[in-house]
Amino acid sequence: PSSTHTKGREAKQLLDASRKLVASAMGCAPSELIFTSCGSESDNWALLSGAEAMRRKGNHIITSAVEHDAIRKSAEELERRGYDVTYLKPDSTGSIPVEAVKNALRPDTILVSLMHTDAVQAFMKIPFTPKSLGADMISVSGHKIHAPKGIGALYVRSGLRLKPYIMGGSQEDGRRAGTEAMPQIAAFGE
């Protein structure tokens, strides 16, 4: 889709159409959706680059002790980089109480990542939009809705500037390098 020849232009049209379909299902603008290789990549990118983007405002992160490894291991990496991470524990129902999140907030809190914004399991099963969640970033994965494995996406709120997680090319509007996986992207859109 980055090529200027006829087949490249056709692939670009399919890429754009697929992006519009996935963005519509998520309830966001196509420009806010970046295709990734999977939900784990999206989670890693959201946490690592999100924390870095907000570093000048603080260094406190809130997550839970029961997050997917893509979140927990990213949070542990951020701790190694000097961030202060609060790991909330679930209550007897397995949920993280809203009050626990409110109580953990501090003036230097820059990022909160809990299961509802790692929407890999919920996408297309439980209705949500970025606006309804109040989320700046949301991770989703294609294989959870019957697309092939190897395709995911990261919603990034318009105006939020993240450094590319994979560098080296201008794909995904310069936000993620690498030739787009067109069969997986087209299947995700379908």
N, C-alpha and C. Protein backbone atom coordinates (compact mmCIF):
# COMPACT_ATOMS: atom_id res chain seq x y z
N PRO A 1 0.80 -1.22 0.00
CA PRO A 1 0.00 0.00 0.00
C PRO A 1 0.83 1.27 0.00
N SER A 2 2.14 1.15 0.18
CA SER A 2 3.01 2.33 0.15
C SER A 2 3.57 2.57 -1.25
N SER A 3 3.32 1.65 -2.16
CA SER A 3 3.85 1.75 -3.53
C SER A 3 2.95 2.61 -4.39
N THR A 4 3.55 3.21 -5.42
CA THR A 4 2.77 4.09 -6.30
C THR A 4 2.25 3.39 -7.55
N HIS A 5 2.65 2.13 -7.77
CA HIS A 5 2.15 1.41 -8.94
C HIS A 5 0.68 1.02 -8.74
N THR A 6 0.05 0.52 -9.78
CA THR A 6 -1.39 0.22 -9.76
C THR A 6 -1.78 -0.70 -8.61
N LYS A 7 -1.08 -1.79 -8.44
CA LYS A 7 -1.41 -2.73 -7.36
C LYS A 7 -1.19 -2.09 -5.99
N GLY A 8 -0.19 -1.24 -5.87
CA GLY A 8 0.04 -0.53 -4.62
C GLY A 8 -1.11 0.42 -4.30
N ARG A 9 -1.59 1.12 -5.31
CA ARG A 9 -2.73 2.03 -5.10
C ARG A 9 -3.99 1.25 -4.74
N GLU A 10 -4.18 0.09 -5.35
CA GLU A 10 -5.33 -0.75 -5.00
C GLU A 10 -5.22 -1.23 -3.54
N ALA A 11 -4.02 -1.62 -3.16
CA ALA A 11 -3.80 -2.06 -1.78
C ALA A 11 -4.06 -0.91 -0.81
N LYS A 12 -3.66 0.30 -1.18
CA LYS A 12 -3.89 1.48 -0.33
C LYS A 12 -5.39 1.73 -0.16
N GLN A 13 -6.16 1.56 -1.23
CA GLN A 13 -7.62 1.72 -1.12
C GLN A 13 -8.21 0.69 -0.16
N LEU A 14 -7.72 -0.56 -0.24
CA LEU A 14 -8.19 -1.61 0.66
C LEU A 14 -7.77 -1.32 2.10
N LEU A 15 -6.55 -0.82 2.27
CA LEU A 15 -6.08 -0.44 3.61
C LEU A 15 -6.98 0.64 4.20
N ASP A 16 -7.25 1.67 3.42
CA ASP A 16 -8.10 2.77 3.90
C ASP A 16 -9.52 2.29 4.22
N ALA A 17 -10.07 1.44 3.36
CA ALA A 17 -11.42 0.92 3.59
C ALA A 17 -11.46 0.06 4.86
N SER A 18 -10.45 -0.76 5.05
CA SER A 18 -10.39 -1.62 6.24
C SER A 18 -10.25 -0.78 7.50
N ARG A 19 -9.43 0.27 7.44
CA ARG A 19 -9.26 1.16 8.59
C ARG A 19 -10.60 1.82 8.95
N LYS A 20 -11.33 2.26 7.93
CA LYS A 20 -12.64 2.89 8.18
C LYS A 20 -13.60 1.91 8.84
N LEU A 21 -13.60 0.66 8.41
CA LEU A 21 -14.50 -0.34 8.99
C LEU A 21 -14.17 -0.63 10.45
N VAL A 22 -12.89 -0.83 10.75
CA VAL A 22 -12.49 -1.12 12.13
C VAL A 22 -12.73 0.11 13.01
N ALA A 23 -12.40 1.28 12.49
CA ALA A 23 -12.62 2.51 13.26
C ALA A 23 -14.11 2.72 13.53
N SER A 24 -14.95 2.44 12.55
CA SER A 24 -16.39 2.57 12.74
C SER A 24 -16.88 1.62 13.83
N ALA A 25 -16.38 0.39 13.81
CA ALA A 25 -16.77 -0.59 14.83
C ALA A 25 -16.32 -0.16 16.22
N MET A 26 -15.20 0.55 16.27
CA MET A 26 -14.68 1.02 17.56
C MET A 26 -15.31 2.34 17.98
N GLY A 27 -15.85 3.07 17.03
CA GLY A 27 -16.46 4.35 17.35
C GLY A 27 -15.45 5.48 17.39
N CYS A 28 -14.47 5.42 16.48
CA CYS A 28 -13.45 6.47 16.44
C CYS A 28 -13.21 6.89 15.00
N ALA A 29 -12.44 7.93 14.83
CA ALA A 29 -12.07 8.38 13.49
C ALA A 29 -10.99 7.47 12.92
N PRO A 30 -10.99 7.22 11.62
CA PRO A 30 -9.95 6.38 11.02
C PRO A 30 -8.53 6.88 11.33
N SER A 31 -8.37 8.19 11.43
CA SER A 31 -7.04 8.75 11.72
C SER A 31 -6.57 8.43 13.13
N GLU A 32 -7.47 7.97 14.00
CA GLU A 32 -7.11 7.64 15.38
C GLU A 32 -6.76 6.16 15.55
N LEU A 33 -6.79 5.40 14.46
CA LEU A 33 -6.57 3.96 14.53
C LEU A 33 -5.26 3.58 13.83
N ILE A 34 -4.40 2.90 14.55
CA ILE A 34 -3.11 2.46 14.01
C ILE A 34 -3.10 0.94 14.03
N PHE A 35 -2.87 0.32 12.88
CA PHE A 35 -2.77 -1.13 12.84
C PHE A 35 -1.45 -1.59 13.43
N THR A 36 -1.52 -2.65 14.23
CA THR A 36 -0.35 -3.25 14.87
C THR A 36 -0.37 -4.75 14.56
N SER A 37 0.58 -5.46 15.11
CA SER A 37 0.62 -6.91 14.88
C SER A 37 -0.28 -7.68 15.83
N CYS A 38 -0.67 -7.07 16.95
CA CYS A 38 -1.48 -7.81 17.94
C CYS A 38 -1.83 -6.88 19.10
N GLY A 39 -2.67 -7.40 19.98
CA GLY A 39 -3.05 -6.64 21.17
C GLY A 39 -1.87 -6.40 22.09
N SER A 40 -0.96 -7.36 22.21
CA SER A 40 0.20 -7.19 23.09
C SER A 40 1.09 -6.05 22.62
N GLU A 41 1.31 -5.95 21.30
CA GLU A 41 2.10 -4.83 20.79
C GLU A 41 1.39 -3.51 21.10
N SER A 42 0.08 -3.48 20.90
CA SER A 42 -0.68 -2.27 21.20
C SER A 42 -0.55 -1.89 22.67
N ASP A 43 -0.68 -2.89 23.56
CA ASP A 43 -0.53 -2.64 25.00
C ASP A 43 0.85 -2.10 25.34
N ASN A 44 1.88 -2.74 24.82
CA ASN A 44 3.25 -2.30 25.09
C ASN A 44 3.45 -0.87 24.63
N TRP A 45 3.01 -0.59 23.41
CA TRP A 45 3.18 0.74 22.84
C TRP A 45 2.44 1.78 23.67
N ALA A 46 1.20 1.48 24.03
CA ALA A 46 0.39 2.43 24.80
C ALA A 46 1.08 2.76 26.13
N LEU A 47 1.54 1.75 26.84
CA LEU A 47 2.15 2.02 28.15
C LEU A 47 3.52 2.67 28.03
N LEU A 48 4.40 2.07 27.25
CA LEU A 48 5.77 2.58 27.20
C LEU A 48 5.85 3.97 26.57
N SER A 49 5.22 4.16 25.43
CA SER A 49 5.26 5.47 24.79
C SER A 49 4.33 6.46 25.47
N GLY A 50 3.22 5.98 26.00
CA GLY A 50 2.30 6.86 26.72
C GLY A 50 2.95 7.45 27.96
N ALA A 51 3.64 6.62 28.73
CA ALA A 51 4.34 7.11 29.92
C ALA A 51 5.42 8.12 29.53
N GLU A 52 6.16 7.79 28.49
CA GLU A 52 7.23 8.70 28.05
C GLU A 52 6.66 10.04 27.60
N ALA A 53 5.52 10.00 26.90
CA ALA A 53 4.91 11.25 26.42
C ALA A 53 4.45 12.14 27.56
N MET A 54 4.11 11.55 28.70
CA MET A 54 3.60 12.31 29.83
C MET A 54 4.64 12.55 30.92
N ARG A 55 5.86 12.10 30.73
CA ARG A 55 6.90 12.13 31.77
C ARG A 55 7.09 13.52 32.38
N ARG A 56 6.96 14.54 31.59
CA ARG A 56 7.20 15.89 32.13
C ARG A 56 6.13 16.31 33.13
N LYS A 57 4.99 15.59 33.13
CA LYS A 57 3.90 15.93 34.05
C LYS A 57 3.89 15.07 35.31
N GLY A 58 4.70 14.02 35.33
CA GLY A 58 4.75 13.15 36.50
C GLY A 58 5.34 11.80 36.16
N ASN A 59 5.34 10.91 37.16
CA ASN A 59 5.91 9.58 36.90
C ASN A 59 5.13 8.47 37.60
N HIS A 60 3.87 8.73 37.95
CA HIS A 60 3.07 7.72 38.64
C HIS A 60 2.09 7.06 37.67
N ILE A 61 2.04 5.73 37.75
CA ILE A 61 1.19 4.92 36.88
C ILE A 61 0.33 4.03 37.77
N ILE A 62 -0.92 3.86 37.39
CA ILE A 62 -1.83 2.97 38.11
C ILE A 62 -2.25 1.85 37.16
N THR A 63 -2.15 0.62 37.65
CA THR A 63 -2.63 -0.55 36.94
C THR A 63 -3.11 -1.54 37.98
N SER A 64 -3.36 -2.76 37.59
CA SER A 64 -3.78 -3.74 38.59
C SER A 64 -2.85 -4.94 38.60
N ALA A 65 -2.96 -5.69 39.66
CA ALA A 65 -2.13 -6.89 39.82
C ALA A 65 -2.61 -8.03 38.95
N VAL A 66 -3.76 -7.90 38.30
CA VAL A 66 -4.33 -9.00 37.53
C VAL A 66 -4.43 -8.68 36.04
N GLU A 67 -3.62 -7.77 35.56
CA GLU A 67 -3.65 -7.42 34.14
C GLU A 67 -2.98 -8.50 33.30
N HIS A 68 -3.25 -8.47 32.01
CA HIS A 68 -2.57 -9.33 31.04
C HIS A 68 -1.07 -9.05 31.13
N ASP A 69 -0.26 -10.06 30.85
CA ASP A 69 1.20 -9.90 30.92
C ASP A 69 1.71 -8.74 30.05
N ALA A 70 1.04 -8.46 28.94
CA ALA A 70 1.48 -7.35 28.09
C ALA A 70 1.44 -6.02 28.84
N ILE A 71 0.50 -5.89 29.75
CA ILE A 71 0.40 -4.69 30.58
C ILE A 71 1.34 -4.80 31.78
N ARG A 72 1.24 -5.91 32.50
CA ARG A 72 2.05 -6.05 33.73
C ARG A 72 3.55 -5.98 33.44
N LYS A 73 4.00 -6.66 32.40
CA LYS A 73 5.43 -6.63 32.09
C LYS A 73 5.87 -5.25 31.59
N SER A 74 4.99 -4.55 30.88
CA SER A 74 5.31 -3.17 30.47
C SER A 74 5.39 -2.27 31.70
N ALA A 75 4.49 -2.47 32.66
CA ALA A 75 4.53 -1.68 33.90
C ALA A 75 5.82 -1.99 34.68
N GLU A 76 6.20 -3.25 34.72
CA GLU A 76 7.45 -3.61 35.40
C GLU A 76 8.65 -2.97 34.71
N GLU A 77 8.62 -2.92 33.38
CA GLU A 77 9.70 -2.25 32.64
C GLU A 77 9.73 -0.76 32.97
N LEU A 78 8.56 -0.15 33.09
CA LEU A 78 8.51 1.26 33.44
C LEU A 78 9.06 1.49 34.85
N GLU A 79 8.80 0.56 35.76
CA GLU A 79 9.40 0.67 37.11
C GLU A 79 10.92 0.66 37.01
N ARG A 80 11.46 -0.23 36.17
CA ARG A 80 12.92 -0.28 35.98
C ARG A 80 13.46 1.04 35.43
N ARG A 81 12.61 1.75 34.70
CA ARG A 81 13.00 3.04 34.11
C ARG A 81 12.77 4.20 35.07
N GLY A 82 12.33 3.91 36.29
CA GLY A 82 12.19 4.95 37.30
C GLY A 82 10.79 5.45 37.55
N TYR A 83 9.80 4.87 36.94
CA TYR A 83 8.42 5.26 37.20
C TYR A 83 7.94 4.59 38.48
N ASP A 84 6.98 5.22 39.14
CA ASP A 84 6.35 4.67 40.34
C ASP A 84 5.02 4.06 39.92
N VAL A 85 4.89 2.74 40.09
CA VAL A 85 3.69 2.04 39.64
C VAL A 85 2.91 1.52 40.84
N THR A 86 1.62 1.83 40.88
CA THR A 86 0.70 1.31 41.88
C THR A 86 -0.08 0.16 41.25
N TYR A 87 -0.02 -1.02 41.89
CA TYR A 87 -0.74 -2.20 41.42
C TYR A 87 -1.96 -2.41 42.33
N LEU A 88 -3.14 -2.11 41.82
CA LEU A 88 -4.36 -2.28 42.60
C LEU A 88 -4.74 -3.76 42.64
N LYS A 89 -5.33 -4.17 43.75
CA LYS A 89 -5.79 -5.55 43.91
C LYS A 89 -7.30 -5.60 43.70
N PRO A 90 -7.78 -6.68 43.06
CA PRO A 90 -9.23 -6.79 42.86
C PRO A 90 -9.94 -7.09 44.18
N ASP A 91 -11.23 -6.73 44.22
CA ASP A 91 -12.04 -7.05 45.40
C ASP A 91 -12.53 -8.50 45.32
N SER A 92 -13.42 -8.89 46.20
CA SER A 92 -13.89 -10.28 46.26
C SER A 92 -14.66 -10.71 45.01
N THR A 93 -15.11 -9.74 44.19
CA THR A 93 -15.82 -10.07 42.95
C THR A 93 -14.86 -10.18 41.76
N GLY A 94 -13.59 -9.85 41.99
CA GLY A 94 -12.61 -9.87 40.91
C GLY A 94 -12.48 -8.55 40.19
N SER A 95 -13.22 -7.54 40.62
CA SER A 95 -13.20 -6.22 40.00
C SER A 95 -12.28 -5.27 40.76
N ILE A 96 -11.84 -4.26 40.05
CA ILE A 96 -11.09 -3.18 40.68
C ILE A 96 -12.11 -2.09 41.01
N PRO A 97 -12.38 -1.84 42.29
CA PRO A 97 -13.37 -0.83 42.66
C PRO A 97 -12.97 0.57 42.19
N VAL A 98 -13.96 1.31 41.71
CA VAL A 98 -13.72 2.69 41.28
C VAL A 98 -13.09 3.49 42.41
N GLU A 99 -13.54 3.27 43.62
CA GLU A 99 -12.97 4.00 44.77
C GLU A 99 -11.47 3.72 44.93
N ALA A 100 -11.06 2.49 44.65
CA ALA A 100 -9.63 2.15 44.75
C ALA A 100 -8.82 2.96 43.73
N VAL A 101 -9.38 3.11 42.54
CA VAL A 101 -8.69 3.91 41.51
C VAL A 101 -8.64 5.36 41.95
N LYS A 102 -9.77 5.90 42.41
CA LYS A 102 -9.81 7.29 42.87
C LYS A 102 -8.81 7.52 44.00
N ASN A 103 -8.74 6.59 44.94
CA ASN A 103 -7.83 6.73 46.08
C ASN A 103 -6.36 6.63 45.68
N ALA A 104 -6.09 5.95 44.58
CA ALA A 104 -4.70 5.79 44.13
C ALA A 104 -4.21 6.99 43.32
N LEU A 105 -5.14 7.79 42.82
CA LEU A 105 -4.75 8.96 42.01
C LEU A 105 -3.94 9.95 42.83
N ARG A 106 -2.90 10.49 42.21
CA ARG A 106 -2.05 11.49 42.84
C ARG A 106 -1.83 12.63 41.84
N PRO A 107 -1.34 13.75 42.30
CA PRO A 107 -1.07 14.86 41.37
C PRO A 107 -0.09 14.49 40.26
N ASP A 108 0.81 13.52 40.52
CA ASP A 108 1.79 13.12 39.52
C ASP A 108 1.37 11.88 38.73
N THR A 109 0.09 11.46 38.83
CA THR A 109 -0.39 10.31 38.06
C THR A 109 -0.52 10.72 36.60
N ILE A 110 0.13 9.95 35.74
CA ILE A 110 0.14 10.29 34.31
C ILE A 110 -0.54 9.24 33.45
N LEU A 111 -0.78 8.04 34.01
CA LEU A 111 -1.32 6.98 33.19
C LEU A 111 -2.06 5.98 34.07
N VAL A 112 -3.25 5.58 33.63
CA VAL A 112 -4.02 4.54 34.30
C VAL A 112 -4.35 3.50 33.22
N SER A 113 -3.97 2.24 33.47
CA SER A 113 -4.26 1.18 32.51
C SER A 113 -4.91 0.02 33.25
N LEU A 114 -6.19 -0.18 32.95
CA LEU A 114 -6.95 -1.29 33.53
C LEU A 114 -7.64 -2.05 32.41
N MET A 115 -8.11 -3.23 32.69
CA MET A 115 -8.65 -4.14 31.67
C MET A 115 -9.61 -3.48 30.68
N HIS A 116 -10.41 -2.52 31.13
CA HIS A 116 -11.42 -1.97 30.20
C HIS A 116 -10.81 -1.17 29.08
N THR A 117 -9.57 -0.69 29.23
CA THR A 117 -8.94 0.01 28.12
C THR A 117 -8.01 -0.90 27.33
N ASP A 118 -7.77 -2.10 27.84
CA ASP A 118 -7.15 -3.18 27.08
C ASP A 118 -8.34 -4.00 26.62
N ALA A 119 -9.01 -3.50 25.59
CA ALA A 119 -10.32 -4.01 25.20
C ALA A 119 -10.25 -5.21 24.26
N VAL A 120 -9.13 -5.91 24.26
CA VAL A 120 -8.94 -7.04 23.36
C VAL A 120 -10.09 -8.04 23.49
N GLN A 121 -10.47 -8.39 24.70
CA GLN A 121 -11.54 -9.37 24.89
C GLN A 121 -12.92 -8.78 24.64
N ALA A 122 -13.10 -7.49 24.88
CA ALA A 122 -14.43 -6.88 24.81
C ALA A 122 -14.82 -6.42 23.41
N PHE A 123 -13.86 -6.17 22.54
CA PHE A 123 -14.15 -5.58 21.24
C PHE A 123 -15.17 -6.41 20.47
N MET A 124 -16.24 -5.77 20.05
CA MET A 124 -17.34 -6.34 19.28
C MET A 124 -18.20 -7.32 20.10
N LYS A 125 -17.95 -7.40 21.40
CA LYS A 125 -18.76 -8.26 22.27
C LYS A 125 -19.51 -7.43 23.30
N ILE A 126 -18.84 -6.42 23.84
CA ILE A 126 -19.43 -5.51 24.81
C ILE A 126 -19.37 -4.12 24.19
N PRO A 127 -20.50 -3.46 24.01
CA PRO A 127 -20.48 -2.15 23.35
C PRO A 127 -19.65 -1.12 24.13
N PHE A 128 -18.78 -0.43 23.42
CA PHE A 128 -18.02 0.67 24.00
C PHE A 128 -17.51 1.56 22.87
N THR A 129 -17.17 2.76 23.22
CA THR A 129 -16.46 3.69 22.33
C THR A 129 -15.37 4.33 23.17
N PRO A 130 -14.38 4.92 22.53
CA PRO A 130 -13.38 5.63 23.32
C PRO A 130 -14.01 6.71 24.21
N LYS A 131 -15.03 7.37 23.67
CA LYS A 131 -15.70 8.42 24.45
C LYS A 131 -16.42 7.83 25.66
N SER A 132 -17.13 6.70 25.47
CA SER A 132 -17.87 6.11 26.59
C SER A 132 -16.92 5.62 27.68
N LEU A 133 -15.72 5.22 27.30
CA LEU A 133 -14.72 4.78 28.29
C LEU A 133 -13.90 5.94 28.85
N GLY A 134 -13.90 7.07 28.15
CA GLY A 134 -13.05 8.18 28.57
C GLY A 134 -11.59 7.84 28.39
N ALA A 135 -11.28 7.03 27.38
CA ALA A 135 -9.91 6.53 27.20
C ALA A 135 -9.15 7.32 26.14
N ASP A 136 -7.86 7.49 26.39
CA ASP A 136 -6.97 8.11 25.41
C ASP A 136 -6.38 7.08 24.45
N MET A 137 -6.26 5.83 24.92
CA MET A 137 -5.72 4.75 24.11
C MET A 137 -6.49 3.47 24.42
N ILE A 138 -6.73 2.67 23.39
CA ILE A 138 -7.43 1.40 23.55
C ILE A 138 -6.78 0.37 22.63
N SER A 139 -6.49 -0.79 23.18
CA SER A 139 -5.91 -1.90 22.42
C SER A 139 -6.99 -2.89 22.01
N VAL A 140 -6.92 -3.36 20.75
CA VAL A 140 -7.82 -4.41 20.28
C VAL A 140 -7.01 -5.41 19.44
N SER A 141 -7.59 -6.58 19.24
CA SER A 141 -6.92 -7.63 18.47
C SER A 141 -7.91 -8.29 17.53
N GLY A 142 -7.49 -8.53 16.29
CA GLY A 142 -8.36 -9.11 15.29
C GLY A 142 -8.77 -10.54 15.55
N HIS A 143 -7.87 -11.36 16.08
CA HIS A 143 -8.21 -12.78 16.20
C HIS A 143 -9.32 -13.04 17.22
N LYS A 144 -9.60 -12.07 18.07
CA LYS A 144 -10.70 -12.24 19.03
C LYS A 144 -12.07 -12.09 18.37
N ILE A 145 -12.07 -11.58 17.13
CA ILE A 145 -13.34 -11.47 16.39
C ILE A 145 -13.25 -12.24 15.07
N HIS A 146 -12.43 -13.27 15.04
CA HIS A 146 -12.32 -14.22 13.93
C HIS A 146 -11.49 -13.74 12.75
N ALA A 147 -10.72 -12.70 12.90
CA ALA A 147 -9.70 -12.38 11.91
C ALA A 147 -8.50 -13.29 12.21
N PRO A 148 -7.54 -13.39 11.31
CA PRO A 148 -6.39 -14.24 11.62
C PRO A 148 -5.53 -13.64 12.73
N LYS A 149 -4.75 -14.48 13.36
CA LYS A 149 -3.80 -13.97 14.35
C LYS A 149 -2.76 -13.14 13.62
N GLY A 150 -2.20 -12.17 14.34
CA GLY A 150 -1.17 -11.33 13.75
C GLY A 150 -1.65 -9.96 13.33
N ILE A 151 -2.85 -9.57 13.78
CA ILE A 151 -3.34 -8.22 13.46
C ILE A 151 -4.06 -7.66 14.69
N GLY A 152 -3.72 -6.44 15.02
CA GLY A 152 -4.34 -5.72 16.11
C GLY A 152 -4.41 -4.25 15.74
N ALA A 153 -4.84 -3.45 16.67
CA ALA A 153 -4.90 -2.02 16.43
C ALA A 153 -4.80 -1.29 17.77
N LEU A 154 -4.34 -0.07 17.68
CA LEU A 154 -4.26 0.81 18.84
C LEU A 154 -5.02 2.08 18.49
N TYR A 155 -6.04 2.37 19.29
CA TYR A 155 -6.73 3.66 19.19
C TYR A 155 -5.88 4.66 19.96
N VAL A 156 -5.58 5.79 19.33
CA VAL A 156 -4.86 6.88 19.99
C VAL A 156 -5.68 8.14 19.77
N ARG A 157 -6.18 8.72 20.86
CA ARG A 157 -7.02 9.91 20.79
C ARG A 157 -6.34 10.99 19.96
N SER A 158 -7.12 11.62 19.11
CA SER A 158 -6.63 12.72 18.29
C SER A 158 -5.99 13.77 19.18
N GLY A 159 -4.81 14.22 18.82
CA GLY A 159 -4.08 15.23 19.59
C GLY A 159 -3.05 14.63 20.53
N LEU A 160 -3.17 13.34 20.85
CA LEU A 160 -2.19 12.68 21.71
C LEU A 160 -1.04 12.21 20.83
N ARG A 161 0.14 12.68 21.11
CA ARG A 161 1.30 12.37 20.27
C ARG A 161 2.15 11.30 20.95
N LEU A 162 2.19 10.12 20.34
CA LEU A 162 3.05 9.05 20.83
C LEU A 162 4.23 8.89 19.89
N LYS A 163 5.39 8.61 20.46
CA LYS A 163 6.53 8.27 19.61
C LYS A 163 6.27 6.93 18.96
N PRO A 164 6.74 6.74 17.74
CA PRO A 164 6.57 5.43 17.11
C PRO A 164 7.22 4.34 17.96
N TYR A 165 6.56 3.20 18.03
CA TYR A 165 7.09 2.05 18.78
C TYR A 165 8.03 1.24 17.89
N ILE A 166 7.74 1.21 16.60
CA ILE A 166 8.60 0.58 15.61
C ILE A 166 9.00 1.67 14.63
N MET A 167 10.29 1.88 14.47
CA MET A 167 10.79 2.97 13.63
C MET A 167 11.42 2.42 12.35
N GLY A 168 11.47 3.26 11.32
CA GLY A 168 12.17 2.87 10.12
C GLY A 168 11.39 3.08 8.84
N GLY A 169 10.17 3.50 8.89
CA GLY A 169 9.38 3.71 7.68
C GLY A 169 8.24 4.67 7.94
N SER A 170 7.55 5.02 6.86
CA SER A 170 6.49 6.02 6.97
C SER A 170 5.09 5.41 7.04
N GLN A 171 5.02 4.09 7.19
CA GLN A 171 3.71 3.44 7.23
C GLN A 171 2.91 3.94 8.44
N GLU A 172 1.59 3.73 8.34
CA GLU A 172 0.67 4.16 9.40
C GLU A 172 0.87 5.64 9.75
N ASP A 173 0.98 6.45 8.70
CA ASP A 173 1.13 7.89 8.86
C ASP A 173 2.38 8.25 9.67
N GLY A 174 3.42 7.43 9.52
CA GLY A 174 4.68 7.67 10.22
C GLY A 174 4.67 7.24 11.67
N ARG A 175 3.59 6.59 12.12
CA ARG A 175 3.48 6.24 13.53
C ARG A 175 3.94 4.81 13.84
N ARG A 176 3.99 3.94 12.81
CA ARG A 176 4.45 2.56 13.01
C ARG A 176 5.06 2.08 11.70
N ALA A 177 6.37 1.87 11.73
CA ALA A 177 7.07 1.42 10.53
C ALA A 177 6.80 -0.05 10.25
N GLY A 178 6.97 -0.43 9.01
CA GLY A 178 6.83 -1.83 8.60
C GLY A 178 5.75 -1.96 7.55
N THR A 179 6.03 -2.77 6.55
CA THR A 179 5.04 -2.99 5.51
C THR A 179 3.76 -3.54 6.13
N GLU A 180 2.65 -2.94 5.76
CA GLU A 180 1.37 -3.33 6.33
C GLU A 180 1.02 -4.76 5.94
N ALA A 181 0.48 -5.52 6.88
CA ALA A 181 0.08 -6.91 6.66
C ALA A 181 -1.31 -6.91 6.02
N MET A 182 -1.36 -6.68 4.72
CA MET A 182 -2.64 -6.47 4.04
C MET A 182 -3.64 -7.62 4.17
N PRO A 183 -3.24 -8.89 4.05
CA PRO A 183 -4.25 -9.94 4.23
C PRO A 183 -4.89 -9.89 5.62
N GLN A 184 -4.09 -9.69 6.65
CA GLN A 184 -4.62 -9.63 8.01
C GLN A 184 -5.47 -8.38 8.21
N ILE A 185 -5.01 -7.25 7.69
CA ILE A 185 -5.76 -6.00 7.82
C ILE A 185 -7.11 -6.10 7.11
N ALA A 186 -7.12 -6.66 5.90
CA ALA A 186 -8.37 -6.80 5.15
C ALA A 186 -9.32 -7.74 5.90
N ALA A 187 -8.78 -8.81 6.47
CA ALA A 187 -9.63 -9.74 7.22
C ALA A 187 -10.17 -9.08 8.49
N PHE A 188 -9.38 -8.26 9.15
CA PHE A 188 -9.82 -7.52 10.33
C PHE A 188 -10.97 -6.59 9.95
N GLY A 189 -10.82 -5.89 8.84
CA GLY A 189 -11.88 -5.02 8.36
C GLY A 189 -13.16 -5.77 8.02
N GLU A 190 -12.99 -6.92 7.43
CA GLU A 190 -14.16 -7.76 7.08
C GLU A 190 -14.89 -8.20 8.32
